[in-house]
């Protein structure tokens, strides 16, 4: 039997303009606001990991270590650099 992902409720304060943009995305994607926010957060985390890995690589970390930091396979990492 598969376990459902555990979801933890949290609160965040957002600027009205940002919230309106999220609502527009949700409408365009035919998703609810919470789903869109989760997707945006996942994407931002992934991009931040990649940025950090690239900085480490440029400052001397091995290519393999940078790929591990970004949680990417080597080919995917190479295409980012």
PDB file of N, CA and C in Angstrom:
ATOM      1  N   UNK A   1       0.831  -1.174   0.000  1.00  0.00           N
ATOM      2  CA  UNK A   1       0.000   0.000   0.000  1.00  0.00           C
ATOM      3  C   UNK A   1       0.881   1.246   0.000  1.00  0.00           C
ATOM      4  N   UNK A   2       0.596   2.203  -0.890  1.00  0.00           N
ATOM      5  CA  UNK A   2       1.370   3.427  -0.977  1.00  0.00           C
ATOM      6  C   UNK A   2       0.977   4.395   0.128  1.00  0.00           C
ATOM      7  N   UNK A   3       1.981   5.022   0.694  1.00  0.00           N
ATOM      8  CA  UNK A   3       1.709   6.032   1.708  1.00  0.00           C
ATOM      9  C   UNK A   3       1.468   7.374   1.021  1.00  0.00           C
ATOM     10  N   UNK A   4       0.496   8.093   1.483  1.00  0.00           N
ATOM     11  CA  UNK A   4       0.241   9.430   0.956  1.00  0.00           C
ATOM     12  C   UNK A   4       1.311  10.373   1.483  1.00  0.00           C
ATOM     13  N   UNK A   5       1.642  11.373   0.678  1.00  0.00           N
ATOM     14  CA  UNK A   5       2.596  12.370   1.140  1.00  0.00           C
ATOM     15  C   UNK A   5       2.002  13.101   2.331  1.00  0.00           C
ATOM     16  N   UNK A   6       2.837  13.280   3.325  1.00  0.00           N
ATOM     17  CA  UNK A   6       2.372  14.019   4.495  1.00  0.00           C
ATOM     18  C   UNK A   6       2.416  15.507   4.175  1.00  0.00           C
ATOM     19  N   UNK A   7       1.295  16.153   4.337  1.00  0.00           N
ATOM     20  CA  UNK A   7       1.205  17.581   4.073  1.00  0.00           C
ATOM     21  C   UNK A   7       1.124  18.302   5.414  1.00  0.00           C
ATOM     22  N   UNK A   8       1.942  19.305   5.582  1.00  0.00           N
ATOM     23  CA  UNK A   8       1.968  20.105   6.794  1.00  0.00           C
ATOM     24  C   UNK A   8       1.406  21.485   6.458  1.00  0.00           C
ATOM     25  N   UNK A   9       0.459  21.920   7.234  1.00  0.00           N
ATOM     26  CA  UNK A   9      -0.125  23.245   7.008  1.00  0.00           C
ATOM     27  C   UNK A   9       0.837  24.313   7.520  1.00  0.00           C
ATOM     28  N   UNK A  10       0.986  25.362   6.727  1.00  0.00           N
ATOM     29  CA  UNK A  10       1.812  26.492   7.119  1.00  0.00           C
ATOM     30  C   UNK A  10       1.142  27.772   6.644  1.00  0.00           C
ATOM     31  N   UNK A  11       1.549  28.860   7.206  1.00  0.00           N
ATOM     32  CA  UNK A  11       0.990  30.153   6.812  1.00  0.00           C
ATOM     33  C   UNK A  11       2.101  31.038   6.277  1.00  0.00           C
ATOM     34  N   UNK A  12       1.750  31.872   5.327  1.00  0.00           N
ATOM     35  CA  UNK A  12       2.713  32.806   4.768  1.00  0.00           C
ATOM     36  C   UNK A  12       1.977  34.091   4.403  1.00  0.00           C
ATOM     37  N   UNK A  13       2.640  35.203   4.604  1.00  0.00           N
ATOM     38  CA  UNK A  13       2.071  36.485   4.203  1.00  0.00           C
ATOM     39  C   UNK A  13       2.607  36.840   2.826  1.00  0.00           C
ATOM     40  N   UNK A  14       1.703  37.195   1.917  1.00  0.00           N
ATOM     41  CA  UNK A  14       2.094  37.550   0.557  1.00  0.00           C
ATOM     42  C   UNK A  14       1.565  38.924   0.198  1.00  0.00           C
ATOM     43  N   UNK A  15       2.340  39.625  -0.577  1.00  0.00           N
ATOM     44  CA  UNK A  15       1.914  40.896  -1.135  1.00  0.00           C
ATOM     45  C   UNK A  15       0.707  40.645  -2.045  1.00  0.00           C
ATOM     46  N   UNK A  16      -0.242  41.537  -2.048  1.00  0.00           N
ATOM     47  CA  UNK A  16      -1.462  41.378  -2.856  1.00  0.00           C
ATOM     48  C   UNK A  16      -1.126  41.141  -4.331  1.00  0.00           C
ATOM     49  N   UNK A  17      -0.132  41.858  -4.861  1.00  0.00           N
ATOM     50  CA  UNK A  17       0.244  41.699  -6.273  1.00  0.00           C
ATOM     51  C   UNK A  17       0.726  40.270  -6.554  1.00  0.00           C
ATOM     52  N   UNK A  18       1.540  39.741  -5.663  1.00  0.00           N
ATOM     53  CA  UNK A  18       2.040  38.367  -5.823  1.00  0.00           C
ATOM     54  C   UNK A  18       0.884  37.379  -5.772  1.00  0.00           C
ATOM     55  N   UNK A  19      -0.006  37.573  -4.829  1.00  0.00           N
ATOM     56  CA  UNK A  19      -1.157  36.679  -4.709  1.00  0.00           C
ATOM     57  C   UNK A  19      -2.037  36.740  -5.958  1.00  0.00           C
ATOM     58  N   UNK A  20      -2.221  37.925  -6.505  1.00  0.00           N
ATOM     59  CA  UNK A  20      -2.996  38.059  -7.748  1.00  0.00           C
ATOM     60  C   UNK A  20      -2.323  37.314  -8.896  1.00  0.00           C
ATOM     61  N   UNK A  21      -0.990  37.393  -8.964  1.00  0.00           N
ATOM     62  CA  UNK A  21      -0.259  36.673 -10.012  1.00  0.00           C
ATOM     63  C   UNK A  21      -0.400  35.163  -9.837  1.00  0.00           C
ATOM     64  N   UNK A  22      -0.355  34.704  -8.607  1.00  0.00           N
ATOM     65  CA  UNK A  22      -0.546  33.276  -8.329  1.00  0.00           C
ATOM     66  C   UNK A  22      -1.946  32.850  -8.749  1.00  0.00           C
ATOM     67  N   UNK A  23      -2.928  33.667  -8.426  1.00  0.00           N
ATOM     68  CA  UNK A  23      -4.306  33.350  -8.812  1.00  0.00           C
ATOM     69  C   UNK A  23      -4.471  33.301 -10.332  1.00  0.00           C
ATOM     70  N   UNK A  24      -3.790  34.200 -11.043  1.00  0.00           N
ATOM     71  CA  UNK A  24      -3.840  34.174 -12.509  1.00  0.00           C
ATOM     72  C   UNK A  24      -3.221  32.887 -13.046  1.00  0.00           C
ATOM     73  N   UNK A  25      -2.077  32.506 -12.477  1.00  0.00           N
ATOM     74  CA  UNK A  25      -1.440  31.246 -12.880  1.00  0.00           C
ATOM     75  C   UNK A  25      -2.362  30.067 -12.608  1.00  0.00           C
ATOM     76  N   UNK A  26      -2.963  30.061 -11.440  1.00  0.00           N
ATOM     77  CA  UNK A  26      -3.860  28.963 -11.069  1.00  0.00           C
ATOM     78  C   UNK A  26      -5.001  28.848 -12.069  1.00  0.00           C
ATOM     79  N   UNK A  27      -5.554  29.971 -12.454  1.00  0.00           N
ATOM     80  CA  UNK A  27      -6.648  29.962 -13.422  1.00  0.00           C
ATOM     81  C   UNK A  27      -6.168  29.430 -14.770  1.00  0.00           C
ATOM     82  N   UNK A  28      -5.011  29.918 -15.234  1.00  0.00           N
ATOM     83  CA  UNK A  28      -4.457  29.469 -16.517  1.00  0.00           C
ATOM     84  C   UNK A  28      -4.111  27.984 -16.506  1.00  0.00           C
ATOM     85  N   UNK A  29      -3.674  27.489 -15.352  1.00  0.00           N
ATOM     86  CA  UNK A  29      -3.260  26.091 -15.230  1.00  0.00           C
ATOM     87  C   UNK A  29      -4.407  25.181 -14.810  1.00  0.00           C
ATOM     88  N   UNK A  30      -5.559  25.762 -14.549  1.00  0.00           N
ATOM     89  CA  UNK A  30      -6.729  25.008 -14.071  1.00  0.00           C
ATOM     90  C   UNK A  30      -6.385  24.228 -12.798  1.00  0.00           C
ATOM     91  N   UNK A  31      -5.689  24.906 -11.895  1.00  0.00           N
ATOM     92  CA  UNK A  31      -5.296  24.328 -10.609  1.00  0.00           C
ATOM     93  C   UNK A  31      -5.788  25.241  -9.499  1.00  0.00           C
ATOM     94  N   UNK A  32      -5.787  24.717  -8.281  1.00  0.00           N
ATOM     95  CA  UNK A  32      -6.138  25.572  -7.153  1.00  0.00           C
ATOM     96  C   UNK A  32      -4.897  26.333  -6.691  1.00  0.00           C
ATOM     97  N   UNK A  33      -5.117  27.366  -5.918  1.00  0.00           N
ATOM     98  CA  UNK A  33      -4.040  28.241  -5.455  1.00  0.00           C
ATOM     99  C   UNK A  33      -2.959  27.464  -4.706  1.00  0.00           C
ATOM    100  N   UNK A  34      -3.335  26.581  -3.806  1.00  0.00           N
ATOM    101  CA  UNK A  34      -2.361  25.832  -3.007  1.00  0.00           C
ATOM    102  C   UNK A  34      -1.461  24.966  -3.875  1.00  0.00           C
ATOM    103  N   UNK A  35      -2.042  24.325  -4.874  1.00  0.00           N
ATOM    104  CA  UNK A  35      -1.253  23.482  -5.776  1.00  0.00           C
ATOM    105  C   UNK A  35      -0.231  24.316  -6.526  1.00  0.00           C
ATOM    106  N   UNK A  36      -0.653  25.464  -7.019  1.00  0.00           N
ATOM    107  CA  UNK A  36       0.260  26.337  -7.759  1.00  0.00           C
ATOM    108  C   UNK A  36       1.382  26.828  -6.847  1.00  0.00           C
ATOM    109  N   UNK A  37       1.057  27.208  -5.636  1.00  0.00           N
ATOM    110  CA  UNK A  37       2.090  27.665  -4.697  1.00  0.00           C
ATOM    111  C   UNK A  37       3.088  26.545  -4.422  1.00  0.00           C
ATOM    112  N   UNK A  38       2.610  25.321  -4.206  1.00  0.00           N
ATOM    113  CA  UNK A  38       3.519  24.184  -3.978  1.00  0.00           C
ATOM    114  C   UNK A  38       4.419  23.960  -5.192  1.00  0.00           C
ATOM    115  N   UNK A  39       3.851  24.031  -6.397  1.00  0.00           N
ATOM    116  CA  UNK A  39       4.647  23.841  -7.610  1.00  0.00           C
ATOM    117  C   UNK A  39       5.714  24.924  -7.743  1.00  0.00           C
ATOM    118  N   UNK A  40       5.343  26.166  -7.466  1.00  0.00           N
ATOM    119  CA  UNK A  40       6.298  27.270  -7.547  1.00  0.00           C
ATOM    120  C   UNK A  40       7.415  27.115  -6.522  1.00  0.00           C
ATOM    121  N   UNK A  41       7.068  26.681  -5.324  1.00  0.00           N
ATOM    122  CA  UNK A  41       8.086  26.482  -4.290  1.00  0.00           C
ATOM    123  C   UNK A  41       9.042  25.367  -4.693  1.00  0.00           C
ATOM    124  N   UNK A  42       8.501  24.238  -5.186  1.00  0.00           N
ATOM    125  CA  UNK A  42       9.367  23.132  -5.632  1.00  0.00           C
ATOM    126  C   UNK A  42      10.323  23.598  -6.724  1.00  0.00           C
ATOM    127  N   UNK A  43       9.788  24.344  -7.690  1.00  0.00           N
ATOM    128  CA  UNK A  43      10.608  24.834  -8.800  1.00  0.00           C
ATOM    129  C   UNK A  43      11.688  25.784  -8.292  1.00  0.00           C
ATOM    130  N   UNK A  44      11.332  26.683  -7.392  1.00  0.00           N
ATOM    131  CA  UNK A  44      12.302  27.631  -6.842  1.00  0.00           C
ATOM    132  C   UNK A  44      13.401  26.911  -6.068  1.00  0.00           C
ATOM    133  N   UNK A  45      13.040  25.902  -5.288  1.00  0.00           N
ATOM    134  CA  UNK A  45      14.041  25.141  -4.532  1.00  0.00           C
ATOM    135  C   UNK A  45      15.002  24.446  -5.488  1.00  0.00           C
ATOM    136  N   UNK A  46      14.468  23.829  -6.522  1.00  0.00           N
ATOM    137  CA  UNK A  46      15.300  23.151  -7.509  1.00  0.00           C
ATOM    138  C   UNK A  46      16.259  24.131  -8.178  1.00  0.00           C
ATOM    139  N   UNK A  47      15.752  25.287  -8.568  1.00  0.00           N
ATOM    140  CA  UNK A  47      16.592  26.294  -9.217  1.00  0.00           C
ATOM    141  C   UNK A  47      17.660  26.826  -8.266  1.00  0.00           C
ATOM    142  N   UNK A  48      17.322  27.012  -6.999  1.00  0.00           N
ATOM    143  CA  UNK A  48      18.306  27.480  -6.017  1.00  0.00           C
ATOM    144  C   UNK A  48      19.408  26.446  -5.812  1.00  0.00           C
ATOM    145  N   UNK A  49      19.039  25.157  -5.785  1.00  0.00           N
ATOM    146  CA  UNK A  49      20.047  24.101  -5.654  1.00  0.00           C
ATOM    147  C   UNK A  49      20.993  24.116  -6.846  1.00  0.00           C
ATOM    148  N   UNK A  50      20.443  24.305  -8.022  1.00  0.00           N
ATOM    149  CA  UNK A  50      21.271  24.358  -9.229  1.00  0.00           C
ATOM    150  C   UNK A  50      22.208  25.556  -9.174  1.00  0.00           C
ATOM    151  N   UNK A  51      21.686  26.718  -8.810  1.00  0.00           N
ATOM    152  CA  UNK A  51      22.514  27.929  -8.707  1.00  0.00           C
ATOM    153  C   UNK A  51      23.649  27.723  -7.699  1.00  0.00           C
ATOM    154  N   UNK A  52      23.342  27.146  -6.546  1.00  0.00           N
ATOM    155  CA  UNK A  52      24.361  26.901  -5.522  1.00  0.00           C
ATOM    156  C   UNK A  52      25.412  25.920  -6.033  1.00  0.00           C
ATOM    157  N   UNK A  53      24.980  24.888  -6.733  1.00  0.00           N
ATOM    158  CA  UNK A  53      25.911  23.899  -7.276  1.00  0.00           C
ATOM    159  C   UNK A  53      26.822  24.527  -8.322  1.00  0.00           C
ATOM    160  N   UNK A  54      26.280  25.385  -9.155  1.00  0.00           N
ATOM    161  CA  UNK A  54      27.092  26.065 -10.169  1.00  0.00           C
ATOM    162  C   UNK A  54      28.127  26.961  -9.495  1.00  0.00           C
ATOM    163  N   UNK A  55      27.720  27.684  -8.460  1.00  0.00           N
ATOM    164  CA  UNK A  55      28.682  28.530  -7.731  1.00  0.00           C
ATOM    165  C   UNK A  55      29.802  27.678  -7.136  1.00  0.00           C
ATOM    166  N   UNK A  56      29.440  26.534  -6.536  1.00  0.00           N
ATOM    167  CA  UNK A  56      30.455  25.643  -5.957  1.00  0.00           C
ATOM    168  C   UNK A  56      31.390  25.110  -7.038  1.00  0.00           C
ATOM    169  N   UNK A  57      30.823  24.717  -8.179  1.00  0.00           N
ATOM    170  CA  UNK A  57      31.630  24.190  -9.282  1.00  0.00           C
ATOM    171  C   UNK A  57      32.612  25.254  -9.766  1.00  0.00           C
ATOM    172  N   UNK A  58      32.128  26.465  -9.928  1.00  0.00           N
ATOM    173  CA  UNK A  58      32.982  27.556 -10.407  1.00  0.00           C
ATOM    174  C   UNK A  58      34.064  27.924  -9.396  1.00  0.00           C
ATOM    175  N   UNK A  59      33.820  27.616  -8.126  1.00  0.00           N
ATOM    176  CA  UNK A  59      34.829  27.931  -7.106  1.00  0.00           C
ATOM    177  C   UNK A  59      35.707  26.725  -6.772  1.00  0.00           C
ATOM    178  N   UNK A  60      35.591  25.656  -7.551  1.00  0.00           N
ATOM    179  CA  UNK A  60      36.523  24.549  -7.402  1.00  0.00           C
ATOM    180  C   UNK A  60      35.956  23.192  -7.050  1.00  0.00           C
ATOM    181  N   UNK A  61      34.689  23.091  -6.748  1.00  0.00           N
ATOM    182  CA  UNK A  61      34.101  21.778  -6.449  1.00  0.00           C
ATOM    183  C   UNK A  61      34.110  20.928  -7.718  1.00  0.00           C
ATOM    184  N   UNK A  62      34.187  19.626  -7.545  1.00  0.00           N
ATOM    185  CA  UNK A  62      34.176  18.745  -8.710  1.00  0.00           C
ATOM    186  C   UNK A  62      32.812  18.791  -9.391  1.00  0.00           C
ATOM    187  N   UNK A  63      32.833  18.447 -10.663  1.00  0.00           N
ATOM    188  CA  UNK A  63      31.590  18.422 -11.435  1.00  0.00           C
ATOM    189  C   UNK A  63      30.600  17.440 -10.816  1.00  0.00           C
ATOM    190  N   UNK A  64      31.109  16.277 -10.412  1.00  0.00           N
ATOM    191  CA  UNK A  64      30.253  15.259  -9.792  1.00  0.00           C
ATOM    192  C   UNK A  64      29.634  15.784  -8.494  1.00  0.00           C
ATOM    193  N   UNK A  65      30.431  16.461  -7.670  1.00  0.00           N
ATOM    194  CA  UNK A  65      29.922  17.006  -6.404  1.00  0.00           C
ATOM    195  C   UNK A  65      28.854  18.063  -6.676  1.00  0.00           C
ATOM    196  N   UNK A  66      29.077  18.907  -7.667  1.00  0.00           N
ATOM    197  CA  UNK A  66      28.091  19.932  -8.011  1.00  0.00           C
ATOM    198  C   UNK A  66      26.785  19.287  -8.458  1.00  0.00           C
ATOM    199  N   UNK A  67      26.886  18.235  -9.253  1.00  0.00           N
ATOM    200  CA  UNK A  67      25.681  17.538  -9.715  1.00  0.00           C
ATOM    201  C   UNK A  67      24.940  16.907  -8.541  1.00  0.00           C
ATOM    202  N   UNK A  68      25.685  16.331  -7.606  1.00  0.00           N
ATOM    203  CA  UNK A  68      25.050  15.744  -6.417  1.00  0.00           C
ATOM    204  C   UNK A  68      24.347  16.817  -5.588  1.00  0.00           C
ATOM    205  N   UNK A  69      24.978  17.968  -5.441  1.00  0.00           N
ATOM    206  CA  UNK A  69      24.376  19.065  -4.675  1.00  0.00           C
ATOM    207  C   UNK A  69      23.050  19.502  -5.285  1.00  0.00           C
ATOM    208  N   UNK A  70      23.015  19.526  -6.604  1.00  0.00           N
ATOM    209  CA  UNK A  70      21.807  19.973  -7.293  1.00  0.00           C
ATOM    210  C   UNK A  70      20.809  18.840  -7.465  1.00  0.00           C
ATOM    211  N   UNK A  71      21.167  17.647  -7.017  1.00  0.00           N
ATOM    212  CA  UNK A  71      20.306  16.470  -7.147  1.00  0.00           C
ATOM    213  C   UNK A  71      19.948  16.209  -8.604  1.00  0.00           C
ATOM    214  N   UNK A  72      20.952  16.334  -9.458  1.00  0.00           N
ATOM    215  CA  UNK A  72      20.760  16.103 -10.888  1.00  0.00           C
ATOM    216  C   UNK A  72      21.728  15.038 -11.366  1.00  0.00           C
ATOM    217  N   UNK A  73      21.389  14.401 -12.476  1.00  0.00           N
ATOM    218  CA  UNK A  73      22.369  13.516 -13.079  1.00  0.00           C
ATOM    219  C   UNK A  73      23.397  14.389 -13.807  1.00  0.00           C
ATOM    220  N   UNK A  74      24.549  13.835 -14.130  1.00  0.00           N
ATOM    221  CA  UNK A  74      25.633  14.623 -14.712  1.00  0.00           C
ATOM    222  C   UNK A  74      25.247  15.294 -16.021  1.00  0.00           C
ATOM    223  N   UNK A  75      24.523  14.610 -16.875  1.00  0.00           N
ATOM    224  CA  UNK A  75      24.137  15.198 -18.154  1.00  0.00           C
ATOM    225  C   UNK A  75      23.225  16.403 -17.955  1.00  0.00           C
ATOM    226  N   UNK A  76      22.283  16.287 -17.058  1.00  0.00           N
ATOM    227  CA  UNK A  76      21.390  17.413 -16.783  1.00  0.00           C
ATOM    228  C   UNK A  76      22.184  18.583 -16.208  1.00  0.00           C
ATOM    229  N   UNK A  77      23.151  18.296 -15.335  1.00  0.00           N
ATOM    230  CA  UNK A  77      23.968  19.358 -14.751  1.00  0.00           C
ATOM    231  C   UNK A  77      24.801  20.048 -15.824  1.00  0.00           C
ATOM    232  N   UNK A  78      25.396  19.280 -16.717  1.00  0.00           N
ATOM    233  CA  UNK A  78      26.239  19.858 -17.755  1.00  0.00           C
ATOM    234  C   UNK A  78      25.455  20.842 -18.614  1.00  0.00           C
ATOM    235  N   UNK A  79      24.210  20.541 -18.922  1.00  0.00           N
ATOM    236  CA  UNK A  79      23.406  21.421 -19.767  1.00  0.00           C
ATOM    237  C   UNK A  79      23.119  22.751 -19.078  1.00  0.00           C
ATOM    238  N   UNK A  80      23.177  22.808 -17.749  1.00  0.00           N
ATOM    239  CA  UNK A  80      22.940  24.054 -17.013  1.00  0.00           C
ATOM    240  C   UNK A  80      24.160  24.962 -17.027  1.00  0.00           C
ATOM    241  N   UNK A  81      25.344  24.363 -17.169  1.00  0.00           N
ATOM    242  CA  UNK A  81      26.589  25.136 -17.135  1.00  0.00           C
ATOM    243  C   UNK A  81      26.940  25.547 -18.538  1.00  0.00           C
TER     244      UNK A  81
END
